[in-house]
Amino acid sequence: MDKGDNFARVLEYQALKRSLEQEGLIRPENTNMTYVVVAFFSGCIVGSLLPW
């Protein structure tokens, strides 16, 4: 395998990954961080509305 073959395989992998993300079969990267941020802010809002 030379560098050209590796580059072609990387491009093929990226295209396949992008198409699977668009179809919803795999989740895009960095979605876990989005869920953490949303959960944190929703917890802050609920905590301020319902002080125990």
Protein backbone atom coordinates (compact mmCIF):
# COMPACT_ATOMS: atom_id res chain seq x y z
CA MET A 1 0.00 0.00 0.00
CA ASP A 2 1.33 3.36 -0.91
CA LYS A 3 0.18 6.78 0.24
CA GLY A 4 -2.25 7.14 -2.65
CA ASP A 5 -4.06 3.95 -1.65
CA ASN A 6 -4.24 5.06 1.96
CA PHE A 7 -5.60 8.46 0.97
CA ALA A 8 -8.25 6.86 -1.24
CA ARG A 9 -9.31 4.54 1.58
CA VAL A 10 -9.56 7.45 4.03
CA LEU A 11 -11.78 9.37 1.60
CA GLU A 12 -13.94 6.27 1.10
CA TYR A 13 -14.23 5.81 4.88
CA GLN A 14 -15.22 9.45 5.41
CA ALA A 15 -17.87 9.27 2.69
CA LEU A 16 -19.31 6.06 4.15
CA LYS A 17 -19.31 7.49 7.66
CA ARG A 18 -21.02 10.69 6.50
CA SER A 19 -23.73 8.75 4.66
CA LEU A 20 -24.38 6.51 7.68
CA GLU A 21 -24.65 9.59 9.92
CA GLN A 22 -27.17 11.17 7.54
CA GLU A 23 -29.26 7.99 7.46
CA GLY A 24 -29.28 7.88 11.27
CA LEU A 25 -27.55 4.52 11.54
CA ILE A 26 -24.67 5.98 13.55
CA ARG A 27 -24.54 9.10 15.65
CA PRO A 28 -22.33 11.98 14.58
CA GLU A 29 -19.26 12.70 16.68
CA ASN A 30 -19.51 15.13 19.61
CA THR A 31 -23.20 14.43 20.19
CA ASN A 32 -22.46 13.13 23.68
CA MET A 33 -21.06 16.52 24.68
CA THR A 34 -24.20 18.18 23.34
CA TYR A 35 -26.36 15.92 25.51
CA VAL A 36 -24.24 16.75 28.57
CA VAL A 37 -24.57 20.51 27.99
CA VAL A 38 -28.33 20.29 27.41
CA ALA A 39 -28.80 18.15 30.52
CA PHE A 40 -26.73 20.56 32.61
CA PHE A 41 -28.68 23.64 31.55
CA SER A 42 -32.06 21.93 31.87
CA GLY A 43 -31.02 20.77 35.34
CA CYS A 44 -30.06 24.32 36.26
CA ILE A 45 -33.42 25.64 35.07
CA VAL A 46 -35.43 22.96 36.88
CA GLY A 47 -33.30 23.41 39.99
CA SER A 48 -33.99 27.14 40.03
CA LEU A 49 -37.73 26.60 39.58
CA LEU A 50 -38.01 23.89 42.22
CA PRO A 51 -35.67 24.76 45.09
CA TRP A 52 -35.61 22.01 47.64
